[in-house]
Amino acid sequence: MAEFQQLHDMNVFEDMDPTLLTAQQKRSALRAINLIKEKRCGQIKGRSVADGRSEQERYANVDTSSPTVSNNALMMSVRVESNPVY
């Protein structure tokens, strides 16, 4: 319930009257998936995520992927920043 309360408190979702939506808008709406897990200590944890599977056919992979830095580039950047030249 804490997960749902947090979503409510942060105004994550907005109420919409389904009768005012077009058929295309209804088809393109993402579904919410609620993942519930019991931890070893017995505590129940929940996460709500958007089901992005329906977006796969609408967007190219390059538009939806997050670029990441290579380890070598990161280490070079850290090395350069840790030895400033005055």
PDB file of N, CA and C in Angstrom:
ATOM      1  N   MET A   1       0.821  -1.195   0.000  1.00  0.00           N
ATOM      2  CA  MET A   1       0.000   0.000   0.000  1.00  0.00           C
ATOM      3  C   MET A   1       0.861   1.254   0.000  1.00  0.00           C
ATOM      4  N   ALA A   2       2.071   1.180   0.570  1.00  0.00           N
ATOM      5  CA  ALA A   2       2.953   2.345   0.605  1.00  0.00           C
ATOM      6  C   ALA A   2       3.335   2.777  -0.807  1.00  0.00           C
ATOM      7  N   GLU A   3       3.537   1.809  -1.708  1.00  0.00           N
ATOM      8  CA  GLU A   3       3.867   2.141  -3.101  1.00  0.00           C
ATOM      9  C   GLU A   3       2.733   2.930  -3.750  1.00  0.00           C
ATOM     10  N   PHE A   4       1.504   2.465  -3.545  1.00  0.00           N
ATOM     11  CA  PHE A   4       0.359   3.167  -4.135  1.00  0.00           C
ATOM     12  C   PHE A   4       0.164   4.538  -3.500  1.00  0.00           C
ATOM     13  N   GLN A   5       0.408   4.638  -2.202  1.00  0.00           N
ATOM     14  CA  GLN A   5       0.280   5.928  -1.525  1.00  0.00           C
ATOM     15  C   GLN A   5       1.304   6.918  -2.062  1.00  0.00           C
ATOM     16  N   GLN A   6       2.518   6.437  -2.317  1.00  0.00           N
ATOM     17  CA  GLN A   6       3.556   7.304  -2.859  1.00  0.00           C
ATOM     18  C   GLN A   6       3.180   7.791  -4.261  1.00  0.00           C
ATOM     19  N   LEU A   7       2.662   6.916  -5.092  1.00  0.00           N
ATOM     20  CA  LEU A   7       2.224   7.316  -6.435  1.00  0.00           C
ATOM     21  C   LEU A   7       1.118   8.363  -6.351  1.00  0.00           C
ATOM     22  N   HIS A   8       0.216   8.188  -5.401  1.00  0.00           N
ATOM     23  CA  HIS A   8      -0.875   9.146  -5.212  1.00  0.00           C
ATOM     24  C   HIS A   8      -0.341  10.488  -4.707  1.00  0.00           C
ATOM     25  N   ASP A   9       0.534  10.449  -3.711  1.00  0.00           N
ATOM     26  CA  ASP A   9       1.064  11.673  -3.109  1.00  0.00           C
ATOM     27  C   ASP A   9       1.882  12.500  -4.098  1.00  0.00           C
ATOM     28  N   MET A  10       2.573  11.824  -5.017  1.00  0.00           N
ATOM     29  CA  MET A  10       3.419  12.524  -5.973  1.00  0.00           C
ATOM     30  C   MET A  10       2.678  12.873  -7.265  1.00  0.00           C
ATOM     31  N   ASN A  11       1.367  12.643  -7.276  1.00  0.00           N
ATOM     32  CA  ASN A  11       0.526  12.955  -8.449  1.00  0.00           C
ATOM     33  C   ASN A  11       1.090  12.361  -9.739  1.00  0.00           C
ATOM     34  N   VAL A  12       1.432  11.074  -9.682  1.00  0.00           N
ATOM     35  CA  VAL A  12       2.004  10.392 -10.829  1.00  0.00           C
ATOM     36  C   VAL A  12       0.947  10.179 -11.909  1.00  0.00           C
ATOM     37  N   PHE A  13      -0.237   9.859 -11.499  1.00  0.00           N
ATOM     38  CA  PHE A  13      -1.309   9.590 -12.452  1.00  0.00           C
ATOM     39  C   PHE A  13      -2.312  10.727 -12.442  1.00  0.00           C
ATOM     40  N   GLU A  14      -2.924  10.937 -13.588  1.00  0.00           N
ATOM     41  CA  GLU A  14      -3.943  11.971 -13.731  1.00  0.00           C
ATOM     42  C   GLU A  14      -5.246  11.289 -14.160  1.00  0.00           C
ATOM     43  N   ASP A  15      -6.328  11.637 -13.496  1.00  0.00           N
ATOM     44  CA  ASP A  15      -7.623  11.072 -13.865  1.00  0.00           C
ATOM     45  C   ASP A  15      -8.023  11.547 -15.252  1.00  0.00           C
ATOM     46  N   MET A  16      -8.534  10.609 -16.042  1.00  0.00           N
ATOM     47  CA  MET A  16      -9.031  10.950 -17.373  1.00  0.00           C
ATOM     48  C   MET A  16     -10.342  10.221 -17.598  1.00  0.00           C
ATOM     49  N   ASP A  17     -11.273  10.919 -18.196  1.00  0.00           N
ATOM     50  CA  ASP A  17     -12.570  10.316 -18.514  1.00  0.00           C
ATOM     51  C   ASP A  17     -12.398   9.485 -19.784  1.00  0.00           C
ATOM     52  N   PRO A  18     -12.527   8.153 -19.694  1.00  0.00           N
ATOM     53  CA  PRO A  18     -12.300   7.309 -20.868  1.00  0.00           C
ATOM     54  C   PRO A  18     -13.272   7.591 -22.014  1.00  0.00           C
ATOM     55  N   THR A  19     -14.419   8.159 -21.716  1.00  0.00           N
ATOM     56  CA  THR A  19     -15.368   8.460 -22.798  1.00  0.00           C
ATOM     57  C   THR A  19     -14.894   9.631 -23.655  1.00  0.00           C
ATOM     58  N   LEU A  20     -13.927  10.409 -23.152  1.00  0.00           N
ATOM     59  CA  LEU A  20     -13.402  11.547 -23.916  1.00  0.00           C
ATOM     60  C   LEU A  20     -12.164  11.185 -24.743  1.00  0.00           C
ATOM     61  N   LEU A  21     -11.680   9.953 -24.595  1.00  0.00           N
ATOM     62  CA  LEU A  21     -10.498   9.511 -25.334  1.00  0.00           C
ATOM     63  C   LEU A  21     -10.896   8.862 -26.654  1.00  0.00           C
ATOM     64  N   THR A  22     -10.047   9.046 -27.667  1.00  0.00           N
ATOM     65  CA  THR A  22     -10.285   8.373 -28.943  1.00  0.00           C
ATOM     66  C   THR A  22      -9.857   6.916 -28.819  1.00  0.00           C
ATOM     67  N   ALA A  23     -10.263   6.111 -29.782  1.00  0.00           N
ATOM     68  CA  ALA A  23      -9.885   4.694 -29.777  1.00  0.00           C
ATOM     69  C   ALA A  23      -8.369   4.558 -29.869  1.00  0.00           C
ATOM     70  N   GLN A  24      -7.717   5.413 -30.655  1.00  0.00           N
ATOM     71  CA  GLN A  24      -6.258   5.374 -30.786  1.00  0.00           C
ATOM     72  C   GLN A  24      -5.578   5.715 -29.464  1.00  0.00           C
ATOM     73  N   GLN A  25      -6.092   6.697 -28.732  1.00  0.00           N
ATOM     74  CA  GLN A  25      -5.521   7.057 -27.438  1.00  0.00           C
ATOM     75  C   GLN A  25      -5.665   5.919 -26.438  1.00  0.00           C
ATOM     76  N   LYS A  26      -6.787   5.244 -26.478  1.00  0.00           N
ATOM     77  CA  LYS A  26      -6.981   4.109 -25.570  1.00  0.00           C
ATOM     78  C   LYS A  26      -6.017   2.980 -25.897  1.00  0.00           C
ATOM     79  N   ARG A  27      -5.783   2.720 -27.200  1.00  0.00           N
ATOM     80  CA  ARG A  27      -4.861   1.656 -27.600  1.00  0.00           C
ATOM     81  C   ARG A  27      -3.421   1.980 -27.233  1.00  0.00           C
ATOM     82  N   SER A  28      -3.056   3.262 -27.276  1.00  0.00           N
ATOM     83  CA  SER A  28      -1.663   3.625 -27.026  1.00  0.00           C
ATOM     84  C   SER A  28      -1.349   3.855 -25.554  1.00  0.00           C
ATOM     85  N   ALA A  29      -2.335   3.776 -24.683  1.00  0.00           N
ATOM     86  CA  ALA A  29      -2.098   3.965 -23.245  1.00  0.00           C
ATOM     87  C   ALA A  29      -1.258   2.804 -22.711  1.00  0.00           C
ATOM     88  N   LEU A  30      -0.290   3.134 -21.863  1.00  0.00           N
ATOM     89  CA  LEU A  30       0.543   2.101 -21.249  1.00  0.00           C
ATOM     90  C   LEU A  30      -0.158   1.515 -20.038  1.00  0.00           C
ATOM     91  N   ARG A  31      -0.022   0.235 -19.879  1.00  0.00           N
ATOM     92  CA  ARG A  31      -0.594  -0.430 -18.710  1.00  0.00           C
ATOM     93  C   ARG A  31       0.413  -0.361 -17.559  1.00  0.00           C
ATOM     94  N   ALA A  32      -0.098  -0.341 -16.361  1.00  0.00           N
ATOM     95  CA  ALA A  32       0.758  -0.357 -15.171  1.00  0.00           C
ATOM     96  C   ALA A  32       0.848  -1.795 -14.669  1.00  0.00           C
ATOM     97  N   ILE A  33       2.049  -2.210 -14.330  1.00  0.00           N
ATOM     98  CA  ILE A  33       2.282  -3.550 -13.785  1.00  0.00           C
ATOM     99  C   ILE A  33       2.717  -3.378 -12.336  1.00  0.00           C
ATOM    100  N   ASN A  34       2.107  -4.112 -11.454  1.00  0.00           N
ATOM    101  CA  ASN A  34       2.450  -4.065 -10.032  1.00  0.00           C
ATOM    102  C   ASN A  34       3.195  -5.340  -9.672  1.00  0.00           C
ATOM    103  N   LEU A  35       4.443  -5.183  -9.275  1.00  0.00           N
ATOM    104  CA  LEU A  35       5.278  -6.315  -8.893  1.00  0.00           C
ATOM    105  C   LEU A  35       5.332  -6.383  -7.382  1.00  0.00           C
ATOM    106  N   ILE A  36       4.956  -7.524  -6.838  1.00  0.00           N
ATOM    107  CA  ILE A  36       4.919  -7.703  -5.386  1.00  0.00           C
ATOM    108  C   ILE A  36       5.823  -8.874  -5.028  1.00  0.00           C
ATOM    109  N   LYS A  37       6.665  -8.661  -4.028  1.00  0.00           N
ATOM    110  CA  LYS A  37       7.636  -9.679  -3.634  1.00  0.00           C
ATOM    111  C   LYS A  37       7.716  -9.729  -2.119  1.00  0.00           C
ATOM    112  N   GLU A  38       7.842 -10.928  -1.597  1.00  0.00           N
ATOM    113  CA  GLU A  38       8.058 -11.088  -0.160  1.00  0.00           C
ATOM    114  C   GLU A  38       9.545 -11.293   0.068  1.00  0.00           C
ATOM    115  N   LYS A  39      10.139 -10.420   0.869  1.00  0.00           N
ATOM    116  CA  LYS A  39      11.556 -10.526   1.172  1.00  0.00           C
ATOM    117  C   LYS A  39      11.797 -11.655   2.166  1.00  0.00           C
ATOM    118  N   ARG A  40      13.063 -12.026   2.352  1.00  0.00           N
ATOM    119  CA  ARG A  40      13.399 -13.120   3.272  1.00  0.00           C
ATOM    120  C   ARG A  40      12.951 -12.833   4.691  1.00  0.00           C
ATOM    121  N   CYS A  41      12.947 -11.549   5.058  1.00  0.00           N
ATOM    122  CA  CYS A  41      12.562 -11.192   6.426  1.00  0.00           C
ATOM    123  C   CYS A  41      11.040 -11.195   6.602  1.00  0.00           C
ATOM    124  N   GLY A  42      10.299 -11.427   5.519  1.00  0.00           N
ATOM    125  CA  GLY A  42       8.853 -11.467   5.599  1.00  0.00           C
ATOM    126  C   GLY A  42       8.171 -10.178   5.174  1.00  0.00           C
ATOM    127  N   GLN A  43       8.949  -9.123   4.967  1.00  0.00           N
ATOM    128  CA  GLN A  43       8.376  -7.844   4.543  1.00  0.00           C
ATOM    129  C   GLN A  43       7.913  -7.936   3.091  1.00  0.00           C
ATOM    130  N   ILE A  44       6.763  -7.350   2.816  1.00  0.00           N
ATOM    131  CA  ILE A  44       6.212  -7.329   1.465  1.00  0.00           C
ATOM    132  C   ILE A  44       6.660  -6.040   0.786  1.00  0.00           C
ATOM    133  N   LYS A  45       7.267  -6.166  -0.403  1.00  0.00           N
ATOM    134  CA  LYS A  45       7.714  -5.009  -1.176  1.00  0.00           C
ATOM    135  C   LYS A  45       6.915  -4.967  -2.470  1.00  0.00           C
ATOM    136  N   GLY A  46       6.609  -3.770  -2.900  1.00  0.00           N
ATOM    137  CA  GLY A  46       5.882  -3.617  -4.151  1.00  0.00           C
ATOM    138  C   GLY A  46       6.482  -2.532  -5.006  1.00  0.00           C
ATOM    139  N   ARG A  47       6.406  -2.719  -6.314  1.00  0.00           N
ATOM    140  CA  ARG A  47       6.860  -1.729  -7.273  1.00  0.00           C
ATOM    141  C   ARG A  47       5.821  -1.650  -8.387  1.00  0.00           C
ATOM    142  N   SER A  48       5.581  -0.443  -8.836  1.00  0.00           N
ATOM    143  CA  SER A  48       4.691  -0.233  -9.971  1.00  0.00           C
ATOM    144  C   SER A  48       5.536   0.263 -11.132  1.00  0.00           C
ATOM    145  N   VAL A  49       5.420  -0.391 -12.260  1.00  0.00           N
ATOM    146  CA  VAL A  49       6.191  -0.026 -13.447  1.00  0.00           C
ATOM    147  C   VAL A  49       5.261   0.037 -14.647  1.00  0.00           C
ATOM    148  N   ALA A  50       5.670   0.794 -15.659  1.00  0.00           N
ATOM    149  CA  ALA A  50       4.896   0.867 -16.898  1.00  0.00           C
ATOM    150  C   ALA A  50       5.285  -0.313 -17.773  1.00  0.00           C
ATOM    151  N   ASP A  51       4.308  -0.907 -18.407  1.00  0.00           N
ATOM    152  CA  ASP A  51       4.544  -2.020 -19.330  1.00  0.00           C
ATOM    153  C   ASP A  51       4.910  -1.430 -20.687  1.00  0.00           C
ATOM    154  N   GLY A  52       6.198  -1.393 -20.990  1.00  0.00           N
ATOM    155  CA  GLY A  52       6.660  -0.772 -22.217  1.00  0.00           C
ATOM    156  C   GLY A  52       6.623  -1.673 -23.435  1.00  0.00           C
ATOM    157  N   ARG A  53       6.129  -2.898 -23.297  1.00  0.00           N
ATOM    158  CA  ARG A  53       6.119  -3.801 -24.447  1.00  0.00           C
ATOM    159  C   ARG A  53       5.318  -3.239 -25.609  1.00  0.00           C
ATOM    160  N   SER A  54       4.256  -2.477 -25.323  1.00  0.00           N
ATOM    161  CA  SER A  54       3.436  -1.943 -26.410  1.00  0.00           C
ATOM    162  C   SER A  54       4.160  -0.827 -27.155  1.00  0.00           C
ATOM    163  N   GLU A  55       5.222  -0.269 -26.590  1.00  0.00           N
ATOM    164  CA  GLU A  55       5.974   0.790 -27.254  1.00  0.00           C
ATOM    165  C   GLU A  55       6.993   0.241 -28.243  1.00  0.00           C
ATOM    166  N   GLN A  56       7.310  -1.034 -28.164  1.00  0.00           N
ATOM    167  CA  GLN A  56       8.354  -1.605 -29.003  1.00  0.00           C
ATOM    168  C   GLN A  56       8.059  -1.453 -30.482  1.00  0.00           C
ATOM    169  N   GLU A  57       6.813  -1.544 -30.861  1.00  0.00           N
ATOM    170  CA  GLU A  57       6.476  -1.443 -32.282  1.00  0.00           C
ATOM    171  C   GLU A  57       6.401   0.004 -32.759  1.00  0.00           C
ATOM    172  N   ARG A  58       6.319   0.958 -31.853  1.00  0.00           N
ATOM    173  CA  ARG A  58       6.183   2.370 -32.241  1.00  0.00           C
ATOM    174  C   ARG A  58       7.489   3.132 -32.284  1.00  0.00           C
ATOM    175  N   TYR A  59       8.518   2.680 -31.558  1.00  0.00           N
ATOM    176  CA  TYR A  59       9.763   3.423 -31.451  1.00  0.00           C
ATOM    177  C   TYR A  59      10.953   2.550 -31.820  1.00  0.00           C
ATOM    178  N   ALA A  60      11.937   3.154 -32.453  1.00  0.00           N
ATOM    179  CA  ALA A  60      13.177   2.446 -32.778  1.00  0.00           C
ATOM    180  C   ALA A  60      14.011   2.299 -31.509  1.00  0.00           C
ATOM    181  N   ASN A  61      14.871   1.283 -31.475  1.00  0.00           N
ATOM    182  CA  ASN A  61      15.700   1.040 -30.294  1.00  0.00           C
ATOM    183  C   ASN A  61      16.590   2.228 -29.957  1.00  0.00           C
ATOM    184  N   VAL A  62      17.094   2.923 -30.976  1.00  0.00           N
ATOM    185  CA  VAL A  62      17.983   4.058 -30.707  1.00  0.00           C
ATOM    186  C   VAL A  62      17.238   5.193 -30.021  1.00  0.00           C
ATOM    187  N   ASP A  63      15.922   5.262 -30.198  1.00  0.00           N
ATOM    188  CA  ASP A  63      15.137   6.321 -29.566  1.00  0.00           C
ATOM    189  C   ASP A  63      14.785   6.009 -28.120  1.00  0.00           C
ATOM    190  N   THR A  64      14.848   4.751 -27.727  1.00  0.00           N
ATOM    191  CA  THR A  64      14.423   4.369 -26.382  1.00  0.00           C
ATOM    192  C   THR A  64      15.560   3.900 -25.491  1.00  0.00           C
ATOM    193  N   SER A  65      16.757   3.728 -26.039  1.00  0.00           N
ATOM    194  CA  SER A  65      17.859   3.245 -25.215  1.00  0.00           C
ATOM    195  C   SER A  65      18.580   4.418 -24.568  1.00  0.00           C
ATOM    196  N   SER A  66      19.155   4.153 -23.421  1.00  0.00           N
ATOM    197  CA  SER A  66      19.929   5.166 -22.706  1.00  0.00           C
ATOM    198  C   SER A  66      21.401   4.960 -23.007  1.00  0.00           C
ATOM    199  N   PRO A  67      22.059   5.963 -23.576  1.00  0.00           N
ATOM    200  CA  PRO A  67      23.479   5.786 -23.868  1.00  0.00           C
ATOM    201  C   PRO A  67      24.287   5.682 -22.574  1.00  0.00           C
ATOM    202  N   THR A  68      25.261   4.816 -22.568  1.00  0.00           N
ATOM    203  CA  THR A  68      26.105   4.643 -21.381  1.00  0.00           C
ATOM    204  C   THR A  68      27.560   4.840 -21.773  1.00  0.00           C
ATOM    205  N   VAL A  69      28.338   5.297 -20.847  1.00  0.00           N
ATOM    206  CA  VAL A  69      29.753   5.534 -21.081  1.00  0.00           C
ATOM    207  C   VAL A  69      30.519   4.222 -20.919  1.00  0.00           C
ATOM    208  N   SER A  70      31.561   4.065 -21.731  1.00  0.00           N
ATOM    209  CA  SER A  70      32.389   2.859 -21.595  1.00  0.00           C
ATOM    210  C   SER A  70      33.276   3.005 -20.360  1.00  0.00           C
ATOM    211  N   ASN A  71      33.724   1.897 -19.824  1.00  0.00           N
ATOM    212  CA  ASN A  71      34.593   1.918 -18.649  1.00  0.00           C
ATOM    213  C   ASN A  71      35.885   2.682 -18.932  1.00  0.00           C
ATOM    214  N   ASN A  72      36.466   2.465 -20.118  1.00  0.00           N
ATOM    215  CA  ASN A  72      37.717   3.149 -20.460  1.00  0.00           C
ATOM    216  C   ASN A  72      37.523   4.662 -20.512  1.00  0.00           C
ATOM    217  N   ALA A  73      36.446   5.122 -21.127  1.00  0.00           N
ATOM    218  CA  ALA A  73      36.193   6.561 -21.217  1.00  0.00           C
ATOM    219  C   ALA A  73      35.962   7.154 -19.832  1.00  0.00           C
ATOM    220  N   LEU A  74      35.274   6.438 -18.980  1.00  0.00           N
ATOM    221  CA  LEU A  74      35.029   6.920 -17.626  1.00  0.00           C
ATOM    222  C   LEU A  74      36.337   7.031 -16.844  1.00  0.00           C
ATOM    223  N   MET A  75      37.174   6.017 -16.935  1.00  0.00           N
ATOM    224  CA  MET A  75      38.439   6.034 -16.204  1.00  0.00           C
ATOM    225  C   MET A  75      39.361   7.137 -16.719  1.00  0.00           C
ATOM    226  N   MET A  76      39.365   7.390 -18.033  1.00  0.00           N
ATOM    227  CA  MET A  76      40.190   8.468 -18.573  1.00  0.00           C
ATOM    228  C   MET A  76      39.694   9.818 -18.061  1.00  0.00           C
ATOM    229  N   SER A  77      38.393   9.980 -18.003  1.00  0.00           N
ATOM    230  CA  SER A  77      37.808  11.233 -17.519  1.00  0.00           C
ATOM    231  C   SER A  77      38.144  11.450 -16.045  1.00  0.00           C
ATOM    232  N   VAL A  78      38.050  10.414 -15.246  1.00  0.00           N
ATOM    233  CA  VAL A  78      38.383  10.513 -13.825  1.00  0.00           C
ATOM    234  C   VAL A  78      39.858  10.851 -13.663  1.00  0.00           C
ATOM    235  N   ARG A  79      40.696  10.214 -14.457  1.00  0.00           N
ATOM    236  CA  ARG A  79      42.152  10.466 -14.385  1.00  0.00           C
ATOM    237  C   ARG A  79      42.464  11.927 -14.726  1.00  0.00           C
ATOM    238  N   VAL A  80      41.852  12.450 -15.783  1.00  0.00           N
ATOM    239  CA  VAL A  80      42.100  13.821 -16.203  1.00  0.00           C
ATOM    240  C   VAL A  80      41.593  14.793 -15.145  1.00  0.00           C
ATOM    241  N   GLU A  81      40.419  14.539 -14.597  1.00  0.00           N
ATOM    242  CA  GLU A  81      39.826  15.450 -13.607  1.00  0.00           C
ATOM    243  C   GLU A  81      40.557  15.399 -12.263  1.00  0.00           C
ATOM    244  N   SER A  82      41.187  14.282 -11.944  1.00  0.00           N
ATOM    245  CA  SER A  82      41.845  14.163 -10.649  1.00  0.00           C
ATOM    246  C   SER A  82      43.231  14.823 -10.638  1.00  0.00           C
ATOM    247  N   ASN A  83      43.782  15.147 -11.803  1.00  0.00           N
ATOM    248  CA  ASN A  83      45.076  15.814 -11.899  1.00  0.00           C
ATOM    249  C   ASN A  83      44.946  17.107 -12.695  1.00  0.00           C
ATOM    250  N   PRO A  84      44.340  18.132 -12.089  1.00  0.00           N
ATOM    251  CA  PRO A  84      44.174  19.374 -12.841  1.00  0.00           C
ATOM    252  C   PRO A  84      45.497  20.078 -13.076  1.00  0.00           C
ATOM    253  N   VAL A  85      45.596  20.719 -14.230  1.00  0.00           N
ATOM    254  CA  VAL A  85      46.791  21.490 -14.576  1.00  0.00           C
ATOM    255  C   VAL A  85      46.513  22.949 -14.244  1.00  0.00           C
ATOM    256  N   TYR A  86      47.434  23.573 -13.510  1.00  0.00           N
ATOM    257  CA  TYR A  86      47.238  24.968 -13.121  1.00  0.00           C
ATOM    258  C   TYR A  86      48.059  25.876 -13.991  1.00  0.00           C
TER     259      TYR A  86
END
